[in-house]
């Protein structure tokens, strides 16, 4: 089984490009700073994990992720290699993102990053959710969303 679960903060805004062809696909690359559970003197406090997200997950990263945001991702580990322009073999290790979600409240994220209220949030696997925060810790649900709920 090849399954990874990571929680960390983006070190910079995702780099997004689209594949060529009949149906262009979003490909987002970003690095997560993941805190280590145990810290030893003289060693790093975090690991920096390269992540790559394809398709809907790449589009989600492009629209909603930015430097400093804390996210939780599930994915799989992928190793690879290529030969660079100098003829040297370069080995790669990436987390291929299969799902992602926000790991802190919008208010906490705004305090850490200075972003304003009333931003739209979405999950790549679900319909869009409007998270207009009224400041009391509850989410305002827009009218007419009943049709999108899986239960009534």
Protein backbone atom coordinates (compact mmCIF):
# COMPACT_ATOMS: atom_id res chain seq x y z
CA UNK A 1 0.00 0.00 0.00
CA UNK A 2 1.31 3.45 -0.93
CA UNK A 3 -0.60 6.11 1.06
CA UNK A 4 0.63 9.39 2.53
CA UNK A 5 -1.15 11.83 4.81
CA UNK A 6 0.59 15.16 5.37
CA UNK A 7 -0.31 18.38 7.13
CA UNK A 8 1.76 21.48 6.65
CA UNK A 9 2.04 24.97 5.24
CA UNK A 10 2.87 25.96 1.68
CA UNK A 11 6.32 27.51 1.40
CA UNK A 12 5.28 29.62 -1.62
CA UNK A 13 2.37 29.98 -4.03
CA UNK A 14 1.78 26.91 -6.22
CA UNK A 15 3.32 26.84 -9.69
CA UNK A 16 0.56 25.83 -12.12
CA UNK A 17 0.79 24.93 -15.78
CA UNK A 18 -1.58 23.16 -18.15
CA UNK A 19 -0.82 20.12 -20.28
CA UNK A 20 -1.01 20.33 -24.07
CA UNK A 21 -3.61 18.52 -26.09
CA UNK A 22 -7.32 18.25 -26.66
CA UNK A 23 -8.22 18.41 -22.96
CA UNK A 24 -5.66 20.54 -21.08
CA UNK A 25 -5.10 19.37 -17.51
CA UNK A 26 -3.91 21.52 -14.61
CA UNK A 27 -0.62 20.45 -13.05
CA UNK A 28 0.23 22.23 -9.80
CA UNK A 29 3.53 21.93 -7.95
CA UNK A 30 4.13 23.18 -4.45
CA UNK A 31 6.20 22.43 -1.38
CA UNK A 32 4.76 21.71 2.06
CA UNK A 33 6.71 22.46 5.22
CA UNK A 34 5.74 19.63 7.56
CA UNK A 35 6.79 20.01 11.20
CA UNK A 36 8.67 17.10 12.71
CA UNK A 37 7.17 15.54 15.81
CA UNK A 38 10.50 15.32 17.62
CA UNK A 39 13.20 17.95 17.43
CA UNK A 40 16.86 17.30 18.13
CA UNK A 41 19.51 19.95 18.66
CA UNK A 42 21.21 20.92 15.43
CA UNK A 43 18.59 19.28 13.20
CA UNK A 44 15.85 20.81 11.08
CA UNK A 45 12.42 21.37 12.65
CA UNK A 46 10.53 20.54 9.45
CA UNK A 47 10.68 18.47 6.31
CA UNK A 48 10.00 20.10 2.96
CA UNK A 49 7.90 17.77 0.83
CA UNK A 50 7.46 18.37 -2.91
CA UNK A 51 3.86 17.85 -3.99
CA UNK A 52 2.26 17.58 -7.40
CA UNK A 53 -1.48 17.80 -8.05
CA UNK A 54 -3.18 16.91 -11.34
CA UNK A 55 -6.58 17.77 -12.80
CA UNK A 56 -9.21 18.96 -10.31
CA UNK A 57 -6.65 18.91 -7.48
CA UNK A 58 -4.37 21.12 -9.58
CA UNK A 59 -7.23 23.53 -10.28
CA UNK A 60 -8.06 23.60 -6.56
CA UNK A 61 -4.43 24.49 -5.78
CA UNK A 62 -4.43 27.24 -8.40
CA UNK A 63 -7.62 28.87 -7.09
CA UNK A 64 -7.38 28.48 -3.33
CA UNK A 65 -3.85 27.71 -2.14
CA UNK A 66 -1.22 30.31 -1.41
CA UNK A 67 1.96 30.73 0.59
CA UNK A 68 1.49 30.09 4.30
CA UNK A 69 -1.88 28.33 4.13
CA UNK A 70 -2.14 25.16 6.21
CA UNK A 71 -3.54 22.15 4.37
CA UNK A 72 -4.02 18.43 4.85
CA UNK A 73 -3.32 16.23 1.86
CA UNK A 74 -3.70 12.56 1.09
CA UNK A 75 -1.68 11.06 -1.69
CA UNK A 76 0.90 8.54 -2.75
CA UNK A 77 4.69 8.61 -2.88
CA UNK A 78 6.28 8.61 -6.31
CA UNK A 79 9.98 8.23 -7.09
CA UNK A 80 11.46 8.99 -10.46
CA UNK A 81 14.55 10.10 -12.31
CA UNK A 82 15.62 12.05 -15.37
CA UNK A 83 18.83 13.14 -17.04
CA UNK A 84 19.47 16.88 -16.85
CA UNK A 85 21.11 19.09 -19.49
CA UNK A 86 24.56 18.33 -18.09
CA UNK A 87 24.03 14.60 -18.59
CA UNK A 88 23.70 13.89 -14.87
CA UNK A 89 20.97 11.60 -13.55
CA UNK A 90 18.64 13.41 -11.12
CA UNK A 91 16.41 11.46 -8.72
CA UNK A 92 13.04 12.85 -7.66
CA UNK A 93 10.62 12.12 -4.83
CA UNK A 94 7.15 13.68 -4.83
CA UNK A 95 3.82 13.29 -3.10
CA UNK A 96 1.15 12.91 -5.79
CA UNK A 97 -1.89 14.62 -4.27
CA UNK A 98 -5.11 12.62 -4.42
CA UNK A 99 -7.15 14.92 -2.15
CA UNK A 100 -6.59 18.08 -0.16
CA UNK A 101 -8.48 20.18 2.33
CA UNK A 102 -7.95 23.16 4.56
CA UNK A 103 -6.40 22.31 7.94
CA UNK A 104 -7.36 25.42 9.88
CA UNK A 105 -10.30 27.75 10.09
CA UNK A 106 -10.53 30.66 7.73
CA UNK A 107 -10.15 33.09 10.65
CA UNK A 108 -6.93 31.40 11.81
CA UNK A 109 -5.61 31.40 8.25
CA UNK A 110 -6.42 35.09 7.87
CA UNK A 111 -4.64 35.93 11.11
CA UNK A 112 -1.57 34.08 9.85
CA UNK A 113 -1.69 35.45 6.32
CA UNK A 114 -3.62 38.74 6.44
CA UNK A 115 -6.39 37.77 4.00
CA UNK A 116 -9.88 39.27 4.17
CA UNK A 117 -13.23 37.64 4.96
CA UNK A 118 -15.81 36.53 2.41
CA UNK A 119 -13.41 34.50 0.27
CA UNK A 120 -14.84 31.49 -1.49
CA UNK A 121 -13.59 28.06 -0.50
CA UNK A 122 -14.07 24.79 -2.31
CA UNK A 123 -13.03 21.18 -2.24
CA UNK A 124 -11.88 19.60 -5.50
CA UNK A 125 -14.03 16.53 -4.87
CA UNK A 126 -17.23 18.28 -3.80
CA UNK A 127 -19.42 21.13 -4.97
CA UNK A 128 -18.36 24.66 -4.05
CA UNK A 129 -19.06 25.85 -0.53
CA UNK A 130 -19.44 29.53 0.28
CA UNK A 131 -17.75 30.31 3.54
CA UNK A 132 -18.90 33.84 4.30
CA UNK A 133 -17.77 34.11 7.89
CA UNK A 134 -19.99 36.29 10.04
CA UNK A 135 -17.36 36.47 12.80
CA UNK A 136 -19.25 34.23 15.22
CA UNK A 137 -17.57 30.98 14.13
CA UNK A 138 -20.52 29.82 12.00
CA UNK A 139 -20.70 29.59 8.25
CA UNK A 140 -23.47 31.41 6.37
CA UNK A 141 -25.26 28.95 4.08
CA UNK A 142 -26.57 30.65 0.93
CA UNK A 143 -30.20 30.31 -0.16
CA UNK A 144 -30.95 27.59 -2.69
CA UNK A 145 -28.19 25.22 -1.62
CA UNK A 146 -30.73 22.58 -0.51
CA UNK A 147 -30.67 21.05 -4.01
CA UNK A 148 -26.94 20.34 -3.67
CA UNK A 149 -27.11 18.63 -0.26
CA UNK A 150 -26.98 14.82 -0.29
CA UNK A 151 -29.69 14.69 2.40
CA UNK A 152 -32.88 16.67 3.07
